[in-house]
């Protein structure tokens, strides 16, 4: 698994390139059935099947979304804990 570092992803703008790549693949695959996606080889897919490239992009995007959600949940939990501790200190 590739480690997730949102700061590096944003700084490198890789997320923008992947979104553009996904749009290009979506446009290319429009009207193709599932079987064709696995059979059609196109330069934009790096010489592999269009379907395989699309699955790879989806996997990366899903991984990043899950990692972002986990980081957000951890930050919210830390914020709740800090707020609870501050409330306890205020009551003392």
C-alpha atoms as a PDB file:
ATOM      1  CA  UNK A   1       0.000   0.000   0.000  1.00  0.00           C
ATOM      2  CA  UNK A   2       1.209   3.472  -0.847  1.00  0.00           C
ATOM      3  CA  UNK A   3       1.371   5.742   2.217  1.00  0.00           C
ATOM      4  CA  UNK A   4      -1.055   8.659   2.144  1.00  0.00           C
ATOM      5  CA  UNK A   5       0.268  12.166   2.669  1.00  0.00           C
ATOM      6  CA  UNK A   6      -2.306  14.757   1.682  1.00  0.00           C
ATOM      7  CA  UNK A   7       0.212  17.625   1.801  1.00  0.00           C
ATOM      8  CA  UNK A   8       2.454  15.920  -0.759  1.00  0.00           C
ATOM      9  CA  UNK A   9      -0.496  15.055  -2.979  1.00  0.00           C
ATOM     10  CA  UNK A  10      -1.734  18.649  -2.975  1.00  0.00           C
ATOM     11  CA  UNK A  11       1.748  20.150  -3.396  1.00  0.00           C
ATOM     12  CA  UNK A  12       2.532  17.910  -6.372  1.00  0.00           C
ATOM     13  CA  UNK A  13      -0.909  18.438  -7.945  1.00  0.00           C
ATOM     14  CA  UNK A  14      -0.992  14.709  -8.743  1.00  0.00           C
ATOM     15  CA  UNK A  15      -4.668  14.609  -7.794  1.00  0.00           C
ATOM     16  CA  UNK A  16      -5.424  17.018 -10.657  1.00  0.00           C
ATOM     17  CA  UNK A  17      -3.542  14.843 -13.142  1.00  0.00           C
ATOM     18  CA  UNK A  18      -5.375  11.734 -11.981  1.00  0.00           C
ATOM     19  CA  UNK A  19      -8.755  13.485 -12.290  1.00  0.00           C
ATOM     20  CA  UNK A  20      -7.868  14.571 -15.860  1.00  0.00           C
ATOM     21  CA  UNK A  21      -6.719  11.042 -16.657  1.00  0.00           C
ATOM     22  CA  UNK A  22      -9.982   9.649 -15.293  1.00  0.00           C
ATOM     23  CA  UNK A  23     -11.984  12.067 -17.463  1.00  0.00           C
ATOM     24  CA  UNK A  24      -9.987  11.046 -20.547  1.00  0.00           C
ATOM     25  CA  UNK A  25     -10.562   7.367 -19.793  1.00  0.00           C
ATOM     26  CA  UNK A  26     -14.271   7.975 -19.179  1.00  0.00           C
ATOM     27  CA  UNK A  27     -14.565   9.791 -22.514  1.00  0.00           C
ATOM     28  CA  UNK A  28     -12.650   7.031 -24.309  1.00  0.00           C
ATOM     29  CA  UNK A  29     -14.754   4.271 -22.761  1.00  0.00           C
ATOM     30  CA  UNK A  30     -18.133   5.895 -23.399  1.00  0.00           C
ATOM     31  CA  UNK A  31     -20.336   3.394 -25.171  1.00  0.00           C
ATOM     32  CA  UNK A  32     -18.037   0.416 -24.564  1.00  0.00           C
ATOM     33  CA  UNK A  33     -19.354  -2.675 -22.836  1.00  0.00           C
ATOM     34  CA  UNK A  34     -17.466  -4.389 -19.998  1.00  0.00           C
ATOM     35  CA  UNK A  35     -15.907  -6.969 -22.321  1.00  0.00           C
ATOM     36  CA  UNK A  36     -14.629  -4.292 -24.717  1.00  0.00           C
ATOM     37  CA  UNK A  37     -13.048  -2.367 -21.836  1.00  0.00           C
ATOM     38  CA  UNK A  38     -10.902  -5.378 -21.030  1.00  0.00           C
ATOM     39  CA  UNK A  39      -9.967  -6.030 -24.655  1.00  0.00           C
ATOM     40  CA  UNK A  40      -9.348  -2.537 -26.036  1.00  0.00           C
ATOM     41  CA  UNK A  41      -5.748  -1.389 -25.726  1.00  0.00           C
ATOM     42  CA  UNK A  42      -5.085   2.317 -26.118  1.00  0.00           C
ATOM     43  CA  UNK A  43      -1.981   4.505 -25.700  1.00  0.00           C
ATOM     44  CA  UNK A  44      -3.748   6.609 -23.082  1.00  0.00           C
ATOM     45  CA  UNK A  45      -4.032   3.428 -20.993  1.00  0.00           C
ATOM     46  CA  UNK A  46      -0.264   3.005 -21.072  1.00  0.00           C
ATOM     47  CA  UNK A  47      -0.439   0.177 -23.574  1.00  0.00           C
ATOM     48  CA  UNK A  48      -2.734  -1.868 -21.328  1.00  0.00           C
ATOM     49  CA  UNK A  49      -6.455  -2.388 -21.438  1.00  0.00           C
ATOM     50  CA  UNK A  50      -8.684   0.616 -20.884  1.00  0.00           C
ATOM     51  CA  UNK A  51     -10.630  -1.314 -18.245  1.00  0.00           C
ATOM     52  CA  UNK A  52      -7.487  -2.107 -16.264  1.00  0.00           C
ATOM     53  CA  UNK A  53      -6.402   1.558 -16.337  1.00  0.00           C
ATOM     54  CA  UNK A  54      -9.862   2.649 -15.182  1.00  0.00           C
ATOM     55  CA  UNK A  55      -9.815   0.150 -12.296  1.00  0.00           C
ATOM     56  CA  UNK A  56      -6.372   1.396 -11.259  1.00  0.00           C
ATOM     57  CA  UNK A  57      -7.533   5.014 -11.196  1.00  0.00           C
ATOM     58  CA  UNK A  58     -10.638   4.066  -9.212  1.00  0.00           C
ATOM     59  CA  UNK A  59      -8.508   2.123  -6.745  1.00  0.00           C
ATOM     60  CA  UNK A  60      -6.217   5.110  -6.149  1.00  0.00           C
ATOM     61  CA  UNK A  61      -9.115   7.530  -5.784  1.00  0.00           C
ATOM     62  CA  UNK A  62     -10.968   5.209  -3.400  1.00  0.00           C
ATOM     63  CA  UNK A  63      -7.806   4.702  -1.355  1.00  0.00           C
ATOM     64  CA  UNK A  64      -7.273   8.461  -1.081  1.00  0.00           C
ATOM     65  CA  UNK A  65     -10.937   9.084  -0.183  1.00  0.00           C
ATOM     66  CA  UNK A  66     -10.766   6.427   2.538  1.00  0.00           C
ATOM     67  CA  UNK A  67      -7.500   7.840   3.896  1.00  0.00           C
ATOM     68  CA  UNK A  68      -8.919  11.373   3.907  1.00  0.00           C
ATOM     69  CA  UNK A  69     -12.035  10.175   5.731  1.00  0.00           C
ATOM     70  CA  UNK A  70      -9.905   8.355   8.312  1.00  0.00           C
ATOM     71  CA  UNK A  71      -7.756  11.457   8.866  1.00  0.00           C
ATOM     72  CA  UNK A  72     -10.867  13.619   9.216  1.00  0.00           C
ATOM     73  CA  UNK A  73     -12.401  11.188  11.696  1.00  0.00           C
ATOM     74  CA  UNK A  74      -9.175  11.073  13.717  1.00  0.00           C
ATOM     75  CA  UNK A  75      -8.977  14.882  13.745  1.00  0.00           C
ATOM     76  CA  UNK A  76     -12.612  15.145  14.826  1.00  0.00           C
ATOM     77  CA  UNK A  77     -12.057  12.587  17.593  1.00  0.00           C
ATOM     78  CA  UNK A  78      -8.960  14.460  18.771  1.00  0.00           C
ATOM     79  CA  UNK A  79     -10.912  17.715  18.722  1.00  0.00           C
ATOM     80  CA  UNK A  80     -13.748  16.145  20.738  1.00  0.00           C
ATOM     81  CA  UNK A  81     -11.264  14.793  23.291  1.00  0.00           C
ATOM     82  CA  UNK A  82      -9.544  18.175  23.573  1.00  0.00           C
ATOM     83  CA  UNK A  83     -12.883  19.966  23.954  1.00  0.00           C
ATOM     84  CA  UNK A  84     -14.003  17.466  26.615  1.00  0.00           C
ATOM     85  CA  UNK A  85     -10.758  17.941  28.521  1.00  0.00           C
ATOM     86  CA  UNK A  86     -11.114  21.724  28.334  1.00  0.00           C
ATOM     87  CA  UNK A  87     -14.695  21.480  29.617  1.00  0.00           C
ATOM     88  CA  UNK A  88     -13.494  19.309  32.504  1.00  0.00           C
ATOM     89  CA  UNK A  89     -10.768  21.851  33.309  1.00  0.00           C
ATOM     90  CA  UNK A  90     -13.297  24.706  33.195  1.00  0.00           C
ATOM     91  CA  UNK A  91     -15.539  22.882  35.669  1.00  0.00           C
ATOM     92  CA  UNK A  92     -12.664  22.369  38.140  1.00  0.00           C
END
